[in-house]
Amino acid sequence: MGAILAGEYTEGGKKQLTSHNIDVLHIPFAVLADSFKKHGVNLDYPENAGNDRKRSIIRRWEDLSKQDIKRVEEELKAAIGEEYSIFRSALEKSLLRNIEVVVILPLYGSELVFTSVGEAIQTLVDSKSEQPARCKFAKYEIQIRFSNGDRVEGTFHSKDKAMEFLKTFT
């Protein structure tokens, strides 16, 4: 998925989208305002501007010809050309990806935690390789690997949640 944001956005706001695997193309307000200002539409006005001023800006924008709008579009493309190209490539890569493999690892038993690698190795050496007969279910770990190198992972403590996660990829 992707989102095109125009205006002022915090890094935290953009990061929230990218943390959910949404590619973001951000067009800063200054770039947007400059593109319109060249055609007589001044978007850079104070927040406390009166309604009359806002209406005059809207009228000026409505008076732009199709040719003016096309020029604004071209200026925006020129100003964000490289970022747009990167954004578009990321979207294409994402849309063209295919699932290569789905791994479900049901885990049983208690988690073993060590303060050193040596302790962990010794525990494995000392343990029996077979699973005890009545281990309690712990969780499902799921990994989906895609043809473009992406990998999505999830850990779920119920079968319903694991299935809900997997259904988002159907």
N, C-alpha and C. Protein backbone atom coordinates (compact mmCIF):
# COMPACT_ATOMS: atom_id res chain seq x y z
N MET A 1 0.83 -1.17 0.00
CA MET A 1 0.00 0.00 0.00
C MET A 1 0.88 1.24 0.00
N GLY A 2 0.29 2.32 -0.42
CA GLY A 2 1.01 3.57 -0.44
C GLY A 2 0.10 4.74 -0.13
N ALA A 3 0.70 5.81 0.35
CA ALA A 3 -0.04 7.03 0.65
C ALA A 3 0.76 8.22 0.17
N ILE A 4 0.06 9.17 -0.46
CA ILE A 4 0.68 10.42 -0.85
C ILE A 4 0.16 11.48 0.10
N LEU A 5 1.08 12.11 0.82
CA LEU A 5 0.73 13.14 1.80
C LEU A 5 1.23 14.48 1.29
N ALA A 6 0.38 15.47 1.33
CA ALA A 6 0.78 16.82 0.94
C ALA A 6 0.52 17.74 2.11
N GLY A 7 1.51 18.52 2.48
CA GLY A 7 1.36 19.44 3.59
C GLY A 7 2.40 19.18 4.65
N GLU A 8 2.09 19.60 5.87
CA GLU A 8 3.01 19.43 6.99
C GLU A 8 2.63 18.19 7.77
N TYR A 9 3.57 17.27 7.92
CA TYR A 9 3.36 16.04 8.68
C TYR A 9 4.57 15.83 9.56
N THR A 10 4.33 15.33 10.74
CA THR A 10 5.43 15.04 11.65
C THR A 10 6.11 13.75 11.23
N GLU A 11 7.36 13.61 11.64
CA GLU A 11 8.08 12.36 11.37
C GLU A 11 7.35 11.20 12.04
N GLY A 12 6.81 11.44 13.23
CA GLY A 12 6.06 10.39 13.93
C GLY A 12 4.84 9.94 13.15
N GLY A 13 4.14 10.89 12.56
CA GLY A 13 2.97 10.56 11.75
C GLY A 13 3.33 9.73 10.54
N LYS A 14 4.40 10.12 9.86
CA LYS A 14 4.84 9.36 8.69
C LYS A 14 5.36 7.98 9.10
N LYS A 15 6.08 7.94 10.23
CA LYS A 15 6.63 6.67 10.71
C LYS A 15 5.52 5.69 11.08
N GLN A 16 4.41 6.22 11.58
CA GLN A 16 3.29 5.34 11.92
C GLN A 16 2.79 4.62 10.67
N LEU A 17 2.74 5.32 9.56
CA LEU A 17 2.32 4.68 8.30
C LEU A 17 3.35 3.67 7.83
N THR A 18 4.62 4.08 7.81
CA THR A 18 5.66 3.16 7.31
C THR A 18 5.81 1.94 8.21
N SER A 19 5.51 2.08 9.51
CA SER A 19 5.61 0.93 10.40
C SER A 19 4.54 -0.11 10.10
N HIS A 20 3.51 0.28 9.36
CA HIS A 20 2.46 -0.64 8.93
C HIS A 20 2.65 -1.04 7.46
N ASN A 21 3.88 -0.94 7.00
CA ASN A 21 4.25 -1.32 5.63
C ASN A 21 3.51 -0.51 4.57
N ILE A 22 3.27 0.76 4.85
CA ILE A 22 2.67 1.66 3.88
C ILE A 22 3.77 2.60 3.39
N ASP A 23 4.06 2.53 2.10
CA ASP A 23 5.05 3.44 1.53
C ASP A 23 4.46 4.84 1.49
N VAL A 24 5.28 5.85 1.77
CA VAL A 24 4.80 7.22 1.86
C VAL A 24 5.58 8.12 0.91
N LEU A 25 4.84 8.90 0.13
CA LEU A 25 5.42 9.99 -0.65
C LEU A 25 4.91 11.26 0.00
N HIS A 26 5.82 12.04 0.56
CA HIS A 26 5.44 13.27 1.24
C HIS A 26 5.81 14.46 0.37
N ILE A 27 4.82 15.28 0.05
CA ILE A 27 5.04 16.52 -0.68
C ILE A 27 4.97 17.64 0.36
N PRO A 28 6.09 18.25 0.70
CA PRO A 28 6.07 19.31 1.72
C PRO A 28 5.17 20.47 1.28
N PHE A 29 4.59 21.12 2.27
CA PHE A 29 3.69 22.24 1.99
C PHE A 29 4.37 23.31 1.13
N ALA A 30 5.63 23.60 1.43
CA ALA A 30 6.35 24.65 0.69
C ALA A 30 6.41 24.32 -0.80
N VAL A 31 6.62 23.07 -1.15
CA VAL A 31 6.69 22.67 -2.56
C VAL A 31 5.32 22.84 -3.21
N LEU A 32 4.28 22.41 -2.53
CA LEU A 32 2.92 22.55 -3.04
C LEU A 32 2.56 24.03 -3.20
N ALA A 33 2.85 24.83 -2.17
CA ALA A 33 2.52 26.26 -2.21
C ALA A 33 3.27 26.98 -3.32
N ASP A 34 4.56 26.66 -3.51
CA ASP A 34 5.34 27.29 -4.58
C ASP A 34 4.76 26.99 -5.95
N SER A 35 4.33 25.75 -6.16
CA SER A 35 3.77 25.37 -7.46
C SER A 35 2.51 26.17 -7.77
N PHE A 36 1.68 26.42 -6.78
CA PHE A 36 0.45 27.19 -7.00
C PHE A 36 0.72 28.68 -7.05
N LYS A 37 1.67 29.15 -6.25
CA LYS A 37 1.95 30.59 -6.18
C LYS A 37 2.36 31.14 -7.55
N LYS A 38 3.07 30.33 -8.33
CA LYS A 38 3.50 30.76 -9.67
C LYS A 38 2.31 31.06 -10.57
N HIS A 39 1.12 30.61 -10.16
CA HIS A 39 -0.07 30.82 -10.97
C HIS A 39 -1.11 31.67 -10.22
N GLY A 40 -0.60 32.45 -9.25
CA GLY A 40 -1.45 33.42 -8.58
C GLY A 40 -2.29 32.91 -7.42
N VAL A 41 -2.04 31.69 -6.99
CA VAL A 41 -2.80 31.15 -5.85
C VAL A 41 -1.83 31.04 -4.67
N ASN A 42 -2.04 31.90 -3.68
CA ASN A 42 -1.15 31.94 -2.52
C ASN A 42 -1.75 31.09 -1.39
N LEU A 43 -1.27 29.87 -1.26
CA LEU A 43 -1.77 28.97 -0.23
C LEU A 43 -1.14 29.23 1.13
N ASP A 44 -0.11 30.05 1.16
CA ASP A 44 0.63 30.30 2.39
C ASP A 44 0.03 31.51 3.10
N TYR A 45 -0.99 31.26 3.89
CA TYR A 45 -1.64 32.33 4.64
C TYR A 45 -1.69 31.93 6.11
N PRO A 46 -1.81 32.90 7.00
CA PRO A 46 -1.83 32.58 8.43
C PRO A 46 -3.07 31.77 8.81
N GLU A 47 -2.92 30.94 9.83
CA GLU A 47 -4.04 30.11 10.30
C GLU A 47 -5.24 30.95 10.70
N ASN A 48 -4.99 32.14 11.23
CA ASN A 48 -6.10 32.98 11.70
C ASN A 48 -6.65 33.89 10.60
N ALA A 49 -6.33 33.59 9.33
CA ALA A 49 -6.85 34.40 8.23
C ALA A 49 -8.37 34.33 8.22
N GLY A 50 -8.98 35.42 7.85
CA GLY A 50 -10.44 35.49 7.82
C GLY A 50 -11.04 34.71 6.66
N ASN A 51 -12.34 34.50 6.74
CA ASN A 51 -13.04 33.76 5.71
C ASN A 51 -12.98 34.45 4.35
N ASP A 52 -12.97 35.79 4.34
CA ASP A 52 -12.89 36.53 3.08
C ASP A 52 -11.61 36.18 2.34
N ARG A 53 -10.51 36.15 3.08
CA ARG A 53 -9.22 35.82 2.46
C ARG A 53 -9.23 34.38 1.93
N LYS A 54 -9.78 33.48 2.70
CA LYS A 54 -9.85 32.08 2.27
C LYS A 54 -10.73 31.93 1.04
N ARG A 55 -11.86 32.65 1.02
CA ARG A 55 -12.75 32.58 -0.16
C ARG A 55 -12.05 33.13 -1.40
N SER A 56 -11.26 34.19 -1.24
CA SER A 56 -10.56 34.76 -2.41
C SER A 56 -9.54 33.77 -2.96
N ILE A 57 -8.90 33.03 -2.09
CA ILE A 57 -7.93 32.00 -2.54
C ILE A 57 -8.67 30.89 -3.28
N ILE A 58 -9.80 30.48 -2.75
CA ILE A 58 -10.60 29.43 -3.41
C ILE A 58 -11.07 29.92 -4.77
N ARG A 59 -11.53 31.18 -4.86
CA ARG A 59 -11.98 31.72 -6.16
C ARG A 59 -10.83 31.73 -7.16
N ARG A 60 -9.65 32.16 -6.70
CA ARG A 60 -8.48 32.20 -7.59
C ARG A 60 -8.14 30.80 -8.08
N TRP A 61 -8.23 29.84 -7.17
CA TRP A 61 -7.95 28.45 -7.57
C TRP A 61 -8.99 27.98 -8.58
N GLU A 62 -10.25 28.29 -8.37
CA GLU A 62 -11.32 27.89 -9.30
C GLU A 62 -11.18 28.56 -10.66
N ASP A 63 -10.53 29.74 -10.68
CA ASP A 63 -10.34 30.46 -11.94
C ASP A 63 -9.18 29.92 -12.78
N LEU A 64 -8.38 29.04 -12.20
CA LEU A 64 -7.25 28.48 -12.97
C LEU A 64 -7.79 27.69 -14.16
N SER A 65 -7.14 27.86 -15.29
CA SER A 65 -7.54 27.12 -16.49
C SER A 65 -6.98 25.70 -16.40
N LYS A 66 -7.47 24.84 -17.28
CA LYS A 66 -6.95 23.46 -17.33
C LYS A 66 -5.46 23.49 -17.65
N GLN A 67 -5.06 24.43 -18.46
CA GLN A 67 -3.65 24.56 -18.81
C GLN A 67 -2.83 24.98 -17.58
N ASP A 68 -3.38 25.90 -16.77
CA ASP A 68 -2.69 26.30 -15.54
C ASP A 68 -2.54 25.10 -14.59
N ILE A 69 -3.61 24.35 -14.45
CA ILE A 69 -3.57 23.16 -13.57
C ILE A 69 -2.53 22.17 -14.09
N LYS A 70 -2.46 22.02 -15.39
CA LYS A 70 -1.47 21.11 -15.99
C LYS A 70 -0.06 21.59 -15.67
N ARG A 71 0.17 22.90 -15.72
CA ARG A 71 1.49 23.46 -15.39
C ARG A 71 1.84 23.24 -13.92
N VAL A 72 0.85 23.43 -13.04
CA VAL A 72 1.07 23.17 -11.61
C VAL A 72 1.47 21.70 -11.43
N GLU A 73 0.76 20.83 -12.11
CA GLU A 73 1.06 19.40 -12.04
C GLU A 73 2.49 19.12 -12.51
N GLU A 74 2.88 19.73 -13.62
CA GLU A 74 4.23 19.52 -14.15
C GLU A 74 5.30 20.05 -13.19
N GLU A 75 5.02 21.20 -12.58
CA GLU A 75 5.97 21.77 -11.62
C GLU A 75 6.11 20.89 -10.38
N LEU A 76 4.98 20.34 -9.93
CA LEU A 76 5.04 19.41 -8.80
C LEU A 76 5.86 18.17 -9.16
N LYS A 77 5.59 17.64 -10.33
CA LYS A 77 6.34 16.45 -10.78
C LYS A 77 7.84 16.74 -10.84
N ALA A 78 8.19 17.91 -11.34
CA ALA A 78 9.61 18.27 -11.43
C ALA A 78 10.22 18.43 -10.03
N ALA A 79 9.46 19.01 -9.11
CA ALA A 79 9.97 19.26 -7.76
C ALA A 79 10.14 17.97 -6.95
N ILE A 80 9.30 16.97 -7.22
CA ILE A 80 9.35 15.73 -6.44
C ILE A 80 9.70 14.53 -7.31
N GLY A 81 10.27 14.78 -8.46
CA GLY A 81 10.53 13.72 -9.44
C GLY A 81 11.25 12.50 -8.89
N GLU A 82 12.35 12.72 -8.20
CA GLU A 82 13.13 11.60 -7.69
C GLU A 82 12.35 10.84 -6.61
N GLU A 83 11.74 11.57 -5.68
CA GLU A 83 10.96 10.93 -4.62
C GLU A 83 9.78 10.15 -5.20
N TYR A 84 9.13 10.73 -6.22
CA TYR A 84 8.01 10.06 -6.86
C TYR A 84 8.47 8.76 -7.52
N SER A 85 9.60 8.82 -8.18
CA SER A 85 10.13 7.64 -8.85
C SER A 85 10.41 6.51 -7.85
N ILE A 86 11.00 6.87 -6.72
CA ILE A 86 11.29 5.88 -5.67
C ILE A 86 9.98 5.30 -5.12
N PHE A 87 9.01 6.17 -4.87
CA PHE A 87 7.70 5.76 -4.35
C PHE A 87 7.02 4.80 -5.33
N ARG A 88 7.02 5.19 -6.58
CA ARG A 88 6.36 4.36 -7.61
C ARG A 88 7.04 3.00 -7.73
N SER A 89 8.36 2.97 -7.70
CA SER A 89 9.09 1.70 -7.77
C SER A 89 8.75 0.80 -6.60
N ALA A 90 8.66 1.39 -5.41
CA ALA A 90 8.31 0.61 -4.22
C ALA A 90 6.91 0.03 -4.34
N LEU A 91 5.97 0.83 -4.86
CA LEU A 91 4.61 0.32 -5.04
C LEU A 91 4.56 -0.80 -6.08
N GLU A 92 5.26 -0.60 -7.18
CA GLU A 92 5.28 -1.64 -8.21
C GLU A 92 5.88 -2.92 -7.68
N LYS A 93 6.96 -2.80 -6.94
CA LYS A 93 7.62 -3.97 -6.36
C LYS A 93 6.66 -4.68 -5.41
N SER A 94 5.95 -3.91 -4.62
CA SER A 94 4.99 -4.47 -3.67
C SER A 94 3.83 -5.15 -4.39
N LEU A 95 3.31 -4.51 -5.43
CA LEU A 95 2.16 -5.07 -6.14
C LEU A 95 2.52 -6.31 -6.95
N LEU A 96 3.77 -6.38 -7.36
CA LEU A 96 4.20 -7.50 -8.20
C LEU A 96 4.74 -8.68 -7.39
N ARG A 97 4.75 -8.56 -6.07
CA ARG A 97 5.30 -9.64 -5.26
C ARG A 97 4.32 -10.79 -5.14
N ASN A 98 4.88 -11.98 -5.04
CA ASN A 98 4.09 -13.19 -4.87
C ASN A 98 4.58 -13.92 -3.63
N ILE A 99 3.67 -14.60 -2.98
CA ILE A 99 4.06 -15.39 -1.81
C ILE A 99 4.84 -16.60 -2.30
N GLU A 100 6.03 -16.78 -1.74
CA GLU A 100 6.84 -17.94 -2.08
C GLU A 100 6.62 -19.08 -1.10
N VAL A 101 6.51 -18.73 0.18
CA VAL A 101 6.36 -19.78 1.19
C VAL A 101 5.68 -19.20 2.43
N VAL A 102 4.87 -20.03 3.07
CA VAL A 102 4.25 -19.69 4.35
C VAL A 102 4.72 -20.74 5.35
N VAL A 103 5.32 -20.28 6.44
CA VAL A 103 5.84 -21.18 7.46
C VAL A 103 5.02 -20.98 8.73
N ILE A 104 4.45 -22.07 9.23
CA ILE A 104 3.73 -22.03 10.51
C ILE A 104 4.48 -22.94 11.46
N LEU A 105 4.89 -22.37 12.57
CA LEU A 105 5.63 -23.13 13.57
C LEU A 105 4.84 -23.12 14.87
N PRO A 106 4.10 -24.24 15.15
CA PRO A 106 3.41 -24.31 16.43
C PRO A 106 4.43 -24.63 17.52
N LEU A 107 4.42 -23.85 18.58
CA LEU A 107 5.40 -24.04 19.65
C LEU A 107 4.72 -24.54 20.91
N TYR A 108 5.37 -25.52 21.53
CA TYR A 108 4.86 -26.12 22.75
C TYR A 108 5.93 -26.07 23.82
N GLY A 109 5.49 -26.01 25.06
CA GLY A 109 6.44 -26.04 26.16
C GLY A 109 6.73 -24.65 26.68
N SER A 110 7.70 -24.59 27.58
CA SER A 110 8.07 -23.34 28.22
C SER A 110 9.26 -22.72 27.50
N GLU A 111 9.28 -21.42 27.54
CA GLU A 111 10.40 -20.68 26.96
C GLU A 111 11.63 -20.85 27.85
N LEU A 112 12.76 -21.09 27.24
CA LEU A 112 14.02 -21.19 27.97
C LEU A 112 14.82 -19.93 27.70
N VAL A 113 15.26 -19.25 28.75
CA VAL A 113 15.98 -17.99 28.61
C VAL A 113 17.33 -18.14 29.30
N PHE A 114 18.39 -17.71 28.60
CA PHE A 114 19.76 -17.85 29.12
C PHE A 114 20.46 -16.51 29.08
N THR A 115 21.45 -16.37 29.93
CA THR A 115 22.24 -15.13 29.95
C THR A 115 23.50 -15.27 29.13
N SER A 116 23.77 -16.48 28.65
CA SER A 116 24.96 -16.66 27.81
C SER A 116 24.71 -17.75 26.77
N VAL A 117 25.44 -17.66 25.68
CA VAL A 117 25.35 -18.67 24.62
C VAL A 117 25.84 -20.01 25.15
N GLY A 118 26.87 -19.98 25.99
CA GLY A 118 27.40 -21.23 26.56
C GLY A 118 26.35 -22.00 27.34
N GLU A 119 25.58 -21.28 28.17
CA GLU A 119 24.50 -21.93 28.93
C GLU A 119 23.47 -22.54 28.00
N ALA A 120 23.12 -21.82 26.95
CA ALA A 120 22.13 -22.31 25.99
C ALA A 120 22.62 -23.58 25.32
N ILE A 121 23.88 -23.58 24.89
CA ILE A 121 24.45 -24.77 24.23
C ILE A 121 24.46 -25.94 25.19
N GLN A 122 24.87 -25.72 26.42
CA GLN A 122 24.94 -26.80 27.40
C GLN A 122 23.56 -27.39 27.66
N THR A 123 22.55 -26.55 27.72
CA THR A 123 21.19 -27.04 27.93
C THR A 123 20.76 -27.92 26.76
N LEU A 124 21.09 -27.52 25.54
CA LEU A 124 20.76 -28.35 24.37
C LEU A 124 21.52 -29.67 24.40
N VAL A 125 22.77 -29.64 24.80
CA VAL A 125 23.57 -30.87 24.89
C VAL A 125 22.95 -31.81 25.92
N ASP A 126 22.53 -31.28 27.06
CA ASP A 126 22.00 -32.08 28.16
C ASP A 126 20.57 -32.56 27.93
N SER A 127 19.82 -31.87 27.04
CA SER A 127 18.40 -32.21 26.89
C SER A 127 18.19 -33.41 26.00
N LYS A 128 17.06 -34.05 26.22
CA LYS A 128 16.64 -35.15 25.36
C LYS A 128 16.05 -34.54 24.09
N SER A 129 16.30 -35.16 22.97
CA SER A 129 15.83 -34.57 21.71
C SER A 129 14.35 -34.78 21.48
N GLU A 130 13.74 -35.75 22.15
CA GLU A 130 12.31 -35.95 21.95
C GLU A 130 11.50 -35.00 22.82
N GLN A 131 10.30 -34.71 22.34
CA GLN A 131 9.41 -33.78 23.05
C GLN A 131 8.70 -34.51 24.18
N PRO A 132 8.64 -33.91 25.36
CA PRO A 132 7.87 -34.53 26.44
C PRO A 132 6.41 -34.71 26.00
N ALA A 133 5.77 -35.74 26.49
CA ALA A 133 4.44 -36.14 26.02
C ALA A 133 3.37 -35.07 26.20
N ARG A 134 3.35 -34.35 27.31
CA ARG A 134 2.24 -33.43 27.57
C ARG A 134 2.72 -31.99 27.72
N CYS A 135 3.27 -31.45 26.66
CA CYS A 135 3.68 -30.04 26.69
C CYS A 135 2.47 -29.17 26.40
N LYS A 136 2.42 -28.03 27.03
CA LYS A 136 1.34 -27.07 26.85
C LYS A 136 1.63 -26.22 25.60
N PHE A 137 0.58 -25.95 24.82
CA PHE A 137 0.72 -25.09 23.64
C PHE A 137 1.16 -23.71 24.08
N ALA A 138 2.15 -23.13 23.40
CA ALA A 138 2.65 -21.79 23.74
C ALA A 138 2.16 -20.75 22.74
N LYS A 139 2.42 -20.97 21.45
CA LYS A 139 2.06 -19.96 20.45
C LYS A 139 2.35 -20.48 19.05
N TYR A 140 1.80 -19.77 18.06
CA TYR A 140 2.14 -20.01 16.65
C TYR A 140 3.07 -18.89 16.21
N GLU A 141 4.12 -19.25 15.53
CA GLU A 141 4.96 -18.26 14.85
C GLU A 141 4.76 -18.48 13.37
N ILE A 142 4.41 -17.41 12.67
CA ILE A 142 4.11 -17.49 11.24
C ILE A 142 5.04 -16.56 10.49
N GLN A 143 5.53 -17.05 9.38
CA GLN A 143 6.42 -16.25 8.54
C GLN A 143 5.95 -16.42 7.10
N ILE A 144 5.79 -15.30 6.40
CA ILE A 144 5.42 -15.32 4.99
C ILE A 144 6.56 -14.66 4.23
N ARG A 145 7.12 -15.38 3.28
CA ARG A 145 8.23 -14.86 2.47
C ARG A 145 7.73 -14.61 1.05
N PHE A 146 8.12 -13.44 0.52
CA PHE A 146 7.66 -13.01 -0.79
C PHE A 146 8.79 -13.04 -1.81
N SER A 147 8.40 -13.08 -3.07
CA SER A 147 9.36 -13.15 -4.17
C SER A 147 10.26 -11.92 -4.28
N ASN A 148 9.83 -10.79 -3.72
CA ASN A 148 10.65 -9.58 -3.82
C ASN A 148 11.58 -9.41 -2.62
N GLY A 149 11.66 -10.44 -1.77
CA GLY A 149 12.55 -10.38 -0.61
C GLY A 149 11.87 -9.91 0.66
N ASP A 150 10.64 -9.42 0.57
CA ASP A 150 9.91 -9.01 1.77
C ASP A 150 9.61 -10.24 2.62
N ARG A 151 9.47 -9.98 3.91
CA ARG A 151 9.11 -11.05 4.83
C ARG A 151 8.22 -10.44 5.91
N VAL A 152 7.10 -11.10 6.17
CA VAL A 152 6.17 -10.65 7.19
C VAL A 152 6.08 -11.76 8.23
N GLU A 153 6.18 -11.36 9.51
CA GLU A 153 6.14 -12.35 10.57
C GLU A 153 5.09 -11.97 11.60
N GLY A 154 4.56 -12.97 12.26
CA GLY A 154 3.61 -12.72 13.33
C GLY A 154 3.69 -13.82 14.37
N THR A 155 3.38 -13.46 15.60
CA THR A 155 3.33 -14.42 16.70
C THR A 155 1.95 -14.33 17.31
N PHE A 156 1.28 -15.49 17.44
CA PHE A 156 -0.12 -15.51 17.89
C PHE A 156 -0.31 -16.58 18.94
N HIS A 157 -1.10 -16.24 19.94
CA HIS A 157 -1.35 -17.17 21.03
C HIS A 157 -2.66 -17.92 20.86
N SER A 158 -3.37 -17.66 19.76
CA SER A 158 -4.59 -18.43 19.48
C SER A 158 -4.66 -18.75 17.99
N LYS A 159 -5.32 -19.86 17.71
CA LYS A 159 -5.49 -20.29 16.33
C LYS A 159 -6.32 -19.27 15.55
N ASP A 160 -7.35 -18.70 16.18
CA ASP A 160 -8.21 -17.71 15.51
C ASP A 160 -7.41 -16.50 15.06
N LYS A 161 -6.54 -15.98 15.93
CA LYS A 161 -5.73 -14.81 15.58
C LYS A 161 -4.74 -15.16 14.47
N ALA A 162 -4.18 -16.37 14.51
CA ALA A 162 -3.25 -16.81 13.47
C ALA A 162 -3.97 -16.88 12.12
N MET A 163 -5.18 -17.41 12.13
CA MET A 163 -5.96 -17.51 10.88
C MET A 163 -6.37 -16.13 10.38
N GLU A 164 -6.73 -15.24 11.29
CA GLU A 164 -7.08 -13.87 10.93
C GLU A 164 -5.91 -13.19 10.22
N PHE A 165 -4.71 -13.37 10.75
CA PHE A 165 -3.49 -12.83 10.15
C PHE A 165 -3.28 -13.40 8.75
N LEU A 166 -3.38 -14.70 8.62
CA LEU A 166 -3.16 -15.33 7.31
C LEU A 166 -4.20 -14.89 6.28
N LYS A 167 -5.43 -14.68 6.71
CA LYS A 167 -6.49 -14.27 5.78
C LYS A 167 -6.25 -12.90 5.18
N THR A 168 -5.42 -12.07 5.83
CA THR A 168 -5.12 -10.75 5.26
C THR A 168 -4.29 -10.87 3.99
N PHE A 169 -3.77 -12.05 3.71
CA PHE A 169 -2.93 -12.27 2.52
C PHE A 169 -3.64 -13.05 1.43
N THR A 170 -4.94 -13.30 1.60
CA THR A 170 -5.67 -14.06 0.57
C THR A 170 -6.30 -13.14 -0.43
